[in-house]
PDB file of N, CA and C in Angstrom:
ATOM      1  N   UNK A   1      34.885  42.172  82.167  1.00  0.00           N
ATOM      2  CA  UNK A   1      36.079  41.232  81.660  1.00  0.00           C
ATOM      3  C   UNK A   1      36.768  42.483  80.719  1.00  0.00           C
ATOM      4  N   UNK A   2      37.888  41.870  81.186  1.00  0.00           N
ATOM      5  CA  UNK A   2      39.474  42.815  80.869  1.00  0.00           C
ATOM      6  C   UNK A   2      39.964  42.046  79.743  1.00  0.00           C
ATOM      7  N   UNK A   3      39.664  42.081  78.629  1.00  0.00           N
ATOM      8  CA  UNK A   3      40.104  42.359  77.331  1.00  0.00           C
ATOM      9  C   UNK A   3      41.776  41.824  77.776  1.00  0.00           C
ATOM     10  N   UNK A   4      42.716  42.626  78.011  1.00  0.00           N
ATOM     11  CA  UNK A   4      44.266  43.237  78.126  1.00  0.00           C
ATOM     12  C   UNK A   4      44.724  40.963  78.855  1.00  0.00           C
ATOM     13  N   UNK A   5      43.304  41.220  79.842  1.00  0.00           N
ATOM     14  CA  UNK A   5      44.291  40.139  81.276  1.00  0.00           C
ATOM     15  C   UNK A   5      44.051  38.969  80.005  1.00  0.00           C
ATOM     16  N   UNK A   6      42.950  38.603  79.226  1.00  0.00           N
ATOM     17  CA  UNK A   6      42.845  38.239  78.661  1.00  0.00           C
ATOM     18  C   UNK A   6      43.802  37.635  76.928  1.00  0.00           C
ATOM     19  N   UNK A   7      43.557  38.515  76.893  1.00  0.00           N
ATOM     20  CA  UNK A   7      45.004  38.312  75.487  1.00  0.00           C
ATOM     21  C   UNK A   7      45.883  37.983  76.009  1.00  0.00           C
ATOM     22  N   UNK A   8      46.721  38.642  77.008  1.00  0.00           N
ATOM     23  CA  UNK A   8      48.323  38.165  77.924  1.00  0.00           C
ATOM     24  C   UNK A   8      48.193  36.686  78.331  1.00  0.00           C
ATOM     25  N   UNK A   9      47.029  35.875  78.934  1.00  0.00           N
ATOM     26  CA  UNK A   9      46.630  34.542  79.217  1.00  0.00           C
ATOM     27  C   UNK A   9      46.876  33.029  77.597  1.00  0.00           C
ATOM     28  N   UNK A  10      45.994  34.253  76.753  1.00  0.00           N
ATOM     29  CA  UNK A  10      45.932  33.478  75.299  1.00  0.00           C
ATOM     30  C   UNK A  10      47.231  33.314  75.194  1.00  0.00           C
ATOM     31  N   UNK A  11      48.346  34.299  75.304  1.00  0.00           N
ATOM     32  CA  UNK A  11      49.879  34.300  74.245  1.00  0.00           C
ATOM     33  C   UNK A  11      50.259  34.004  75.519  1.00  0.00           C
ATOM     34  N   UNK A  12      50.067  33.584  76.213  1.00  0.00           N
ATOM     35  CA  UNK A  12      51.163  32.941  77.518  1.00  0.00           C
ATOM     36  C   UNK A  12      50.872  31.436  77.013  1.00  0.00           C
ATOM     37  N   UNK A  13      49.613  31.256  77.372  1.00  0.00           N
ATOM     38  CA  UNK A  13      49.015  29.599  75.910  1.00  0.00           C
ATOM     39  C   UNK A  13      49.423  28.953  74.955  1.00  0.00           C
ATOM     40  N   UNK A  14      49.559  30.283  74.004  1.00  0.00           N
ATOM     41  CA  UNK A  14      50.281  30.444  72.567  1.00  0.00           C
ATOM     42  C   UNK A  14      52.153  29.708  72.325  1.00  0.00           C
ATOM     43  N   UNK A  15      52.302  30.551  74.084  1.00  0.00           N
ATOM     44  CA  UNK A  15      53.799  30.143  74.117  1.00  0.00           C
ATOM     45  C   UNK A  15      54.136  28.989  73.975  1.00  0.00           C
ATOM     46  N   UNK A  16      53.478  28.325  74.968  1.00  0.00           N
ATOM     47  CA  UNK A  16      53.511  26.953  75.823  1.00  0.00           C
ATOM     48  C   UNK A  16      53.346  25.595  75.019  1.00  0.00           C
ATOM     49  N   UNK A  17      52.458  25.911  73.887  1.00  0.00           N
ATOM     50  CA  UNK A  17      52.011  25.384  72.692  1.00  0.00           C
ATOM     51  C   UNK A  17      52.951  25.279  71.760  1.00  0.00           C
ATOM     52  N   UNK A  18      53.681  26.255  71.529  1.00  0.00           N
ATOM     53  CA  UNK A  18      54.991  26.496  70.404  1.00  0.00           C
ATOM     54  C   UNK A  18      56.191  25.617  70.986  1.00  0.00           C
ATOM     55  N   UNK A  19      55.776  25.726  72.798  1.00  0.00           N
ATOM     56  CA  UNK A  19      57.164  25.110  73.436  1.00  0.00           C
ATOM     57  C   UNK A  19      57.222  23.337  73.025  1.00  0.00           C
ATOM     58  N   UNK A  20      55.603  23.027  72.871  1.00  0.00           N
ATOM     59  CA  UNK A  20      55.708  21.274  73.072  1.00  0.00           C
ATOM     60  C   UNK A  20      56.039  20.916  71.629  1.00  0.00           C
ATOM     61  N   UNK A  21      55.389  22.036  70.731  1.00  0.00           N
ATOM     62  CA  UNK A  21      55.717  21.366  69.712  1.00  0.00           C
ATOM     63  C   UNK A  21      57.149  21.164  69.107  1.00  0.00           C
ATOM     64  N   UNK A  22      57.250  22.896  69.495  1.00  0.00           N
ATOM     65  CA  UNK A  22      59.622  22.385  69.222  1.00  0.00           C
ATOM     66  C   UNK A  22      60.106  21.138  69.883  1.00  0.00           C
ATOM     67  N   UNK A  23      59.698  21.076  71.044  1.00  0.00           N
ATOM     68  CA  UNK A  23      59.686  19.479  71.288  1.00  0.00           C
ATOM     69  C   UNK A  23      59.554  19.011  70.563  1.00  0.00           C
ATOM     70  N   UNK A  24      57.809  18.002  70.110  1.00  0.00           N
ATOM     71  CA  UNK A  24      58.060  17.005  69.670  1.00  0.00           C
ATOM     72  C   UNK A  24      58.597  16.528  67.685  1.00  0.00           C
ATOM     73  N   UNK A  25      58.779  17.875  68.024  1.00  0.00           N
ATOM     74  CA  UNK A  25      59.612  18.189  66.155  1.00  0.00           C
ATOM     75  C   UNK A  25      60.868  17.349  66.666  1.00  0.00           C
ATOM     76  N   UNK A  26      62.386  18.453  68.256  1.00  0.00           N
ATOM     77  CA  UNK A  26      62.809  17.650  68.352  1.00  0.00           C
ATOM     78  C   UNK A  26      62.944  16.054  68.349  1.00  0.00           C
ATOM     79  N   UNK A  27      62.108  15.584  69.023  1.00  0.00           N
ATOM     80  CA  UNK A  27      61.673  13.457  69.207  1.00  0.00           C
ATOM     81  C   UNK A  27      61.349  13.804  68.157  1.00  0.00           C
ATOM     82  N   UNK A  28      60.888  13.901  67.617  1.00  0.00           N
ATOM     83  CA  UNK A  28      60.873  13.296  65.751  1.00  0.00           C
ATOM     84  C   UNK A  28      62.101  13.023  65.377  1.00  0.00           C
ATOM     85  N   UNK A  29      62.592  14.425  65.104  1.00  0.00           N
ATOM     86  CA  UNK A  29      63.915  15.150  64.136  1.00  0.00           C
ATOM     87  C   UNK A  29      64.950  13.428  65.238  1.00  0.00           C
ATOM     88  N   UNK A  30      64.418  13.046  66.619  1.00  0.00           N
ATOM     89  CA  UNK A  30      65.989  12.242  66.733  1.00  0.00           C
ATOM     90  C   UNK A  30      65.542  10.610  66.760  1.00  0.00           C
ATOM     91  N   UNK A  31      64.556  10.187  66.117  1.00  0.00           N
ATOM     92  CA  UNK A  31      64.084   8.630  65.423  1.00  0.00           C
ATOM     93  C   UNK A  31      64.902   8.740  64.087  1.00  0.00           C
ATOM     94  N   UNK A  32      64.671   9.661  63.382  1.00  0.00           N
ATOM     95  CA  UNK A  32      65.315   9.498  62.279  1.00  0.00           C
ATOM     96  C   UNK A  32      66.780   9.364  61.506  1.00  0.00           C
ATOM     97  N   UNK A  33      67.464   8.659  61.470  1.00  0.00           N
ATOM     98  CA  UNK A  33      69.119   7.563  60.996  1.00  0.00           C
ATOM     99  C   UNK A  33      69.560   8.940  60.623  1.00  0.00           C
ATOM    100  N   UNK A  34      70.476   9.493  61.137  1.00  0.00           N
ATOM    101  CA  UNK A  34      70.936  10.295  60.257  1.00  0.00           C
ATOM    102  C   UNK A  34      73.184  10.266  60.756  1.00  0.00           C
ATOM    103  N   UNK A  35      73.433  10.986  59.873  1.00  0.00           N
ATOM    104  CA  UNK A  35      74.892  10.823  59.672  1.00  0.00           C
ATOM    105  C   UNK A  35      76.198  11.895  60.420  1.00  0.00           C
ATOM    106  N   UNK A  36      76.865  11.764  61.173  1.00  0.00           N
ATOM    107  CA  UNK A  36      77.067  12.764  61.357  1.00  0.00           C
ATOM    108  C   UNK A  36      76.904  12.673  63.686  1.00  0.00           C
ATOM    109  N   UNK A  37      77.238  13.621  64.282  1.00  0.00           N
ATOM    110  CA  UNK A  37      77.200  14.009  65.666  1.00  0.00           C
ATOM    111  C   UNK A  37      75.659  14.099  66.532  1.00  0.00           C
ATOM    112  N   UNK A  38      75.183  13.812  66.832  1.00  0.00           N
ATOM    113  CA  UNK A  38      73.930  13.799  67.263  1.00  0.00           C
ATOM    114  C   UNK A  38      74.035  15.300  67.714  1.00  0.00           C
ATOM    115  N   UNK A  39      72.772  16.380  67.675  1.00  0.00           N
ATOM    116  CA  UNK A  39      73.040  17.200  67.951  1.00  0.00           C
ATOM    117  C   UNK A  39      72.894  17.555  69.542  1.00  0.00           C
ATOM    118  N   UNK A  40      73.301  18.734  70.341  1.00  0.00           N
ATOM    119  CA  UNK A  40      73.732  18.676  71.849  1.00  0.00           C
ATOM    120  C   UNK A  40      72.940  18.347  72.973  1.00  0.00           C
ATOM    121  N   UNK A  41      70.937  18.729  71.845  1.00  0.00           N
ATOM    122  CA  UNK A  41      70.180  18.508  73.233  1.00  0.00           C
ATOM    123  C   UNK A  41      69.947  16.672  73.011  1.00  0.00           C
ATOM    124  N   UNK A  42      69.560  16.713  72.113  1.00  0.00           N
ATOM    125  CA  UNK A  42      69.291  15.003  71.958  1.00  0.00           C
ATOM    126  C   UNK A  42      70.451  14.340  72.554  1.00  0.00           C
ATOM    127  N   UNK A  43      71.937  14.177  72.622  1.00  0.00           N
ATOM    128  CA  UNK A  43      73.181  13.934  73.632  1.00  0.00           C
ATOM    129  C   UNK A  43      72.950  14.241  74.907  1.00  0.00           C
ATOM    130  N   UNK A  44      72.740  15.232  75.330  1.00  0.00           N
ATOM    131  CA  UNK A  44      71.528  15.749  76.664  1.00  0.00           C
ATOM    132  C   UNK A  44      70.328  14.660  77.446  1.00  0.00           C
ATOM    133  N   UNK A  45      69.968  14.841  76.349  1.00  0.00           N
ATOM    134  CA  UNK A  45      68.531  13.939  76.828  1.00  0.00           C
ATOM    135  C   UNK A  45      68.977  12.384  77.234  1.00  0.00           C
ATOM    136  N   UNK A  46      69.417  11.639  76.073  1.00  0.00           N
ATOM    137  CA  UNK A  46      69.882  10.678  76.129  1.00  0.00           C
ATOM    138  C   UNK A  46      70.974  10.425  77.525  1.00  0.00           C
ATOM    139  N   UNK A  47      72.020  10.973  77.468  1.00  0.00           N
ATOM    140  CA  UNK A  47      72.847  11.152  79.424  1.00  0.00           C
ATOM    141  C   UNK A  47      72.107  11.458  80.545  1.00  0.00           C
ATOM    142  N   UNK A  48      71.188  12.194  80.245  1.00  0.00           N
ATOM    143  CA  UNK A  48      70.224  12.535  81.532  1.00  0.00           C
ATOM    144  C   UNK A  48      69.341  11.418  82.028  1.00  0.00           C
ATOM    145  N   UNK A  49      68.632  10.086  80.712  1.00  0.00           N
ATOM    146  CA  UNK A  49      68.106   9.306  81.221  1.00  0.00           C
ATOM    147  C   UNK A  49      69.024   8.137  81.266  1.00  0.00           C
ATOM    148  N   UNK A  50      69.724   8.190  82.455  1.00  0.00           N
ATOM    149  CA  UNK A  50      70.752   6.835  82.656  1.00  0.00           C
ATOM    150  C   UNK A  50      69.527   5.797  82.906  1.00  0.00           C
ATOM    151  N   UNK A  51      70.604   4.615  82.445  1.00  0.00           N
ATOM    152  CA  UNK A  51      69.655   3.459  82.498  1.00  0.00           C
ATOM    153  C   UNK A  51      69.696   3.214  83.787  1.00  0.00           C
ATOM    154  N   UNK A  52      69.463   1.318  84.331  1.00  0.00           N
ATOM    155  CA  UNK A  52      69.401   1.118  85.646  1.00  0.00           C
ATOM    156  C   UNK A  52      70.526   1.460  86.503  1.00  0.00           C
ATOM    157  N   UNK A  53      71.737   0.859  85.554  1.00  0.00           N
ATOM    158  CA  UNK A  53      72.939   0.678  86.781  1.00  0.00           C
ATOM    159  C   UNK A  53      73.276   2.495  86.736  1.00  0.00           C
ATOM    160  N   UNK A  54      72.784   3.442  86.169  1.00  0.00           N
ATOM    161  CA  UNK A  54      73.368   4.680  86.263  1.00  0.00           C
ATOM    162  C   UNK A  54      74.090   4.881  85.718  1.00  0.00           C
ATOM    163  N   UNK A  55      74.329   4.062  84.381  1.00  0.00           N
ATOM    164  CA  UNK A  55      75.426   4.816  83.899  1.00  0.00           C
ATOM    165  C   UNK A  55      74.570   5.204  82.613  1.00  0.00           C
ATOM    166  N   UNK A  56      75.109   6.921  81.595  1.00  0.00           N
ATOM    167  CA  UNK A  56      74.680   6.733  81.239  1.00  0.00           C
ATOM    168  C   UNK A  56      74.709   6.066  79.824  1.00  0.00           C
ATOM    169  N   UNK A  57      73.715   6.660  79.028  1.00  0.00           N
ATOM    170  CA  UNK A  57      73.414   6.018  77.340  1.00  0.00           C
ATOM    171  C   UNK A  57      74.203   6.047  76.567  1.00  0.00           C
ATOM    172  N   UNK A  58      75.064   5.250  76.190  1.00  0.00           N
ATOM    173  CA  UNK A  58      75.909   5.268  74.776  1.00  0.00           C
ATOM    174  C   UNK A  58      75.921   4.440  73.461  1.00  0.00           C
ATOM    175  N   UNK A  59      76.030   4.844  72.523  1.00  0.00           N
ATOM    176  CA  UNK A  59      75.800   4.153  71.788  1.00  0.00           C
ATOM    177  C   UNK A  59      77.298   2.495  71.124  1.00  0.00           C
ATOM    178  N   UNK A  60      77.013   2.357  71.107  1.00  0.00           N
ATOM    179  CA  UNK A  60      78.003   0.870  71.219  1.00  0.00           C
ATOM    180  C   UNK A  60      79.363   1.013  70.070  1.00  0.00           C
ATOM    181  N   UNK A  61      80.234   0.955  70.845  1.00  0.00           N
ATOM    182  CA  UNK A  61      81.844   1.705  70.097  1.00  0.00           C
ATOM    183  C   UNK A  61      82.446  -0.046  68.924  1.00  0.00           C
ATOM    184  N   UNK A  62      82.422   0.072  68.044  1.00  0.00           N
ATOM    185  CA  UNK A  62      82.926  -0.656  67.548  1.00  0.00           C
ATOM    186  C   UNK A  62      84.346  -0.903  67.692  1.00  0.00           C
ATOM    187  N   UNK A  63      84.515  -2.335  67.693  1.00  0.00           N
ATOM    188  CA  UNK A  63      85.720  -2.862  68.216  1.00  0.00           C
ATOM    189  C   UNK A  63      86.657  -3.249  67.297  1.00  0.00           C
ATOM    190  N   UNK A  64      88.185  -2.427  67.154  1.00  0.00           N
ATOM    191  CA  UNK A  64      88.989  -2.751  65.809  1.00  0.00           C
ATOM    192  C   UNK A  64      90.145  -3.485  67.073  1.00  0.00           C
ATOM    193  N   UNK A  65      90.589  -4.206  66.185  1.00  0.00           N
ATOM    194  CA  UNK A  65      91.665  -5.144  66.469  1.00  0.00           C
ATOM    195  C   UNK A  65      92.723  -4.478  66.840  1.00  0.00           C
ATOM    196  N   UNK A  66      93.944  -5.034  67.367  1.00  0.00           N
ATOM    197  CA  UNK A  66      95.298  -4.600  67.250  1.00  0.00           C
ATOM    198  C   UNK A  66      95.969  -4.422  66.486  1.00  0.00           C
ATOM    199  N   UNK A  67      95.565  -5.933  65.183  1.00  0.00           N
ATOM    200  CA  UNK A  67      96.484  -5.151  63.651  1.00  0.00           C
ATOM    201  C   UNK A  67      95.971  -4.572  63.018  1.00  0.00           C
ATOM    202  N   UNK A  68      94.687  -3.485  63.306  1.00  0.00           N
ATOM    203  CA  UNK A  68      93.741  -3.013  61.995  1.00  0.00           C
ATOM    204  C   UNK A  68      94.418  -1.991  62.868  1.00  0.00           C
ATOM    205  N   UNK A  69      94.740  -1.814  64.356  1.00  0.00           N
ATOM    206  CA  UNK A  69      95.345  -0.240  64.741  1.00  0.00           C
ATOM    207  C   UNK A  69      96.402  -0.177  64.685  1.00  0.00           C
ATOM    208  N   UNK A  70      97.289  -1.068  64.076  1.00  0.00           N
ATOM    209  CA  UNK A  70      98.841  -0.587  63.854  1.00  0.00           C
ATOM    210  C   UNK A  70      98.438  -0.128  62.144  1.00  0.00           C
ATOM    211  N   UNK A  71      98.346  -1.099  61.946  1.00  0.00           N
ATOM    212  CA  UNK A  71      98.128  -1.052  60.914  1.00  0.00           C
ATOM    213  C   UNK A  71      97.728   1.015  60.107  1.00  0.00           C
ATOM    214  N   UNK A  72      96.743   1.122  60.717  1.00  0.00           N
ATOM    215  CA  UNK A  72      96.311   2.526  60.321  1.00  0.00           C
ATOM    216  C   UNK A  72      97.194   3.728  61.282  1.00  0.00           C
ATOM    217  N   UNK A  73      97.757   3.294  62.287  1.00  0.00           N
ATOM    218  CA  UNK A  73      98.471   4.562  62.687  1.00  0.00           C
ATOM    219  C   UNK A  73      99.553   4.608  61.619  1.00  0.00           C
ATOM    220  N   UNK A  74     100.335   3.096  61.246  1.00  0.00           N
ATOM    221  CA  UNK A  74     101.622   3.345  59.946  1.00  0.00           C
ATOM    222  C   UNK A  74     101.117   3.934  59.024  1.00  0.00           C
ATOM    223  N   UNK A  75     100.066   3.945  58.622  1.00  0.00           N
ATOM    224  CA  UNK A  75      99.370   5.030  57.307  1.00  0.00           C
ATOM    225  C   UNK A  75      99.532   5.815  57.616  1.00  0.00           C
ATOM    226  N   UNK A  76      98.773   6.431  58.780  1.00  0.00           N
ATOM    227  CA  UNK A  76      99.133   7.756  59.280  1.00  0.00           C
ATOM    228  C   UNK A  76     100.389   8.312  59.549  1.00  0.00           C
ATOM    229  N   UNK A  77     101.241   7.985  59.591  1.00  0.00           N
ATOM    230  CA  UNK A  77     102.338   7.859  59.637  1.00  0.00           C
ATOM    231  C   UNK A  77     103.184   8.324  57.901  1.00  0.00           C
ATOM    232  N   UNK A  78     102.677   7.656  57.645  1.00  0.00           N
ATOM    233  CA  UNK A  78     102.739   7.575  56.072  1.00  0.00           C
ATOM    234  C   UNK A  78     102.900   8.764  55.099  1.00  0.00           C
ATOM    235  N   UNK A  79     101.537   9.097  55.523  1.00  0.00           N
ATOM    236  CA  UNK A  79     100.422  10.593  55.130  1.00  0.00           C
ATOM    237  C   UNK A  79     101.208  11.630  54.848  1.00  0.00           C
ATOM    238  N   UNK A  80     101.072  12.126  56.960  1.00  0.00           N
ATOM    239  CA  UNK A  80     101.807  12.887  57.394  1.00  0.00           C
ATOM    240  C   UNK A  80     103.340  13.357  56.562  1.00  0.00           C
ATOM    241  N   UNK A  81     104.645  12.008  57.232  1.00  0.00           N
ATOM    242  CA  UNK A  81     105.564  12.384  56.467  1.00  0.00           C
ATOM    243  C   UNK A  81     105.364  12.602  54.873  1.00  0.00           C
ATOM    244  N   UNK A  82     104.720  12.455  54.167  1.00  0.00           N
ATOM    245  CA  UNK A  82     104.410  13.182  52.393  1.00  0.00           C
ATOM    246  C   UNK A  82     103.749  13.694  52.617  1.00  0.00           C
ATOM    247  N   UNK A  83     102.783  14.327  53.445  1.00  0.00           N
ATOM    248  CA  UNK A  83     102.569  16.357  53.874  1.00  0.00           C
ATOM    249  C   UNK A  83     103.753  16.676  54.043  1.00  0.00           C
ATOM    250  N   UNK A  84     104.808  16.208  54.786  1.00  0.00           N
ATOM    251  CA  UNK A  84     105.555  17.447  55.299  1.00  0.00           C
ATOM    252  C   UNK A  84     106.698  16.788  54.172  1.00  0.00           C
ATOM    253  N   UNK A  85     107.193  16.683  53.451  1.00  0.00           N
ATOM    254  CA  UNK A  85     107.964  16.411  51.820  1.00  0.00           C
ATOM    255  C   UNK A  85     107.107  17.019  51.092  1.00  0.00           C
ATOM    256  N   UNK A  86     106.386  17.348  50.916  1.00  0.00           N
ATOM    257  CA  UNK A  86     105.504  18.213  50.081  1.00  0.00           C
ATOM    258  C   UNK A  86     105.782  19.016  50.381  1.00  0.00           C
ATOM    259  N   UNK A  87     105.106  19.984  51.752  1.00  0.00           N
ATOM    260  CA  UNK A  87     105.257  21.309  51.854  1.00  0.00           C
ATOM    261  C   UNK A  87     106.425  21.921  51.958  1.00  0.00           C
ATOM    262  N   UNK A  88     107.777  21.232  52.072  1.00  0.00           N
ATOM    263  CA  UNK A  88     109.480  21.234  51.442  1.00  0.00           C
ATOM    264  C   UNK A  88     108.979  21.894  50.059  1.00  0.00           C
ATOM    265  N   UNK A  89     109.041  21.025  49.423  1.00  0.00           N
ATOM    266  CA  UNK A  89     109.227  21.078  48.572  1.00  0.00           C
ATOM    267  C   UNK A  89     108.651  22.443  47.194  1.00  0.00           C
ATOM    268  N   UNK A  90     107.560  22.935  48.246  1.00  0.00           N
ATOM    269  CA  UNK A  90     107.264  24.293  47.541  1.00  0.00           C
ATOM    270  C   UNK A  90     107.188  25.565  48.472  1.00  0.00           C
ATOM    271  N   UNK A  91     107.982  25.166  50.024  1.00  0.00           N
ATOM    272  CA  UNK A  91     108.626  26.570  50.463  1.00  0.00           C
ATOM    273  C   UNK A  91     109.721  26.993  49.474  1.00  0.00           C
ATOM    274  N   UNK A  92     110.045  27.793  49.791  1.00  0.00           N
ATOM    275  CA  UNK A  92     111.255  28.855  49.445  1.00  0.00           C
ATOM    276  C   UNK A  92     112.377  28.965  49.651  1.00  0.00           C
ATOM    277  N   UNK A  93     113.415  28.745  48.750  1.00  0.00           N
ATOM    278  CA  UNK A  93     115.240  28.764  49.728  1.00  0.00           C
ATOM    279  C   UNK A  93     115.421  29.943  50.004  1.00  0.00           C
ATOM    280  N   UNK A  94     115.595  30.008  51.206  1.00  0.00           N
ATOM    281  CA  UNK A  94     115.833  31.770  52.028  1.00  0.00           C
ATOM    282  C   UNK A  94     117.490  32.109  51.322  1.00  0.00           C
ATOM    283  N   UNK A  95     116.783  33.033  50.315  1.00  0.00           N
ATOM    284  CA  UNK A  95     118.150  33.501  49.943  1.00  0.00           C
ATOM    285  C   UNK A  95     119.136  34.681  51.050  1.00  0.00           C
ATOM    286  N   UNK A  96     120.319  34.257  50.628  1.00  0.00           N
ATOM    287  CA  UNK A  96     121.217  35.199  51.469  1.00  0.00           C
ATOM    288  C   UNK A  96     121.779  36.407  51.066  1.00  0.00           C
ATOM    289  N   UNK A  97     121.786  37.370  52.202  1.00  0.00           N
ATOM    290  CA  UNK A  97     121.971  38.552  52.093  1.00  0.00           C
ATOM    291  C   UNK A  97     122.876  39.194  52.009  1.00  0.00           C
TER     292      UNK A  97
END
């Protein structure tokens, strides 16, 4: 019996078990509802699992009405204009030499 060979096989088995544990932890973490962008590994797994018509999996997007888009765009323009005006107020005037 070669003890070194047995140790090497046990180490390989331990690595395989560690990989399975990590995979199961990731799967369980994917089931928990969390905020923000999903981790890359989860996104790639979802895209790899295409549905029956061959399209990648996607979360449904909320529909925003045209009126709401226009209101949001106008509000963003006002915010940017206000920021530009505030930045100009804080700039030091250029002194002629």
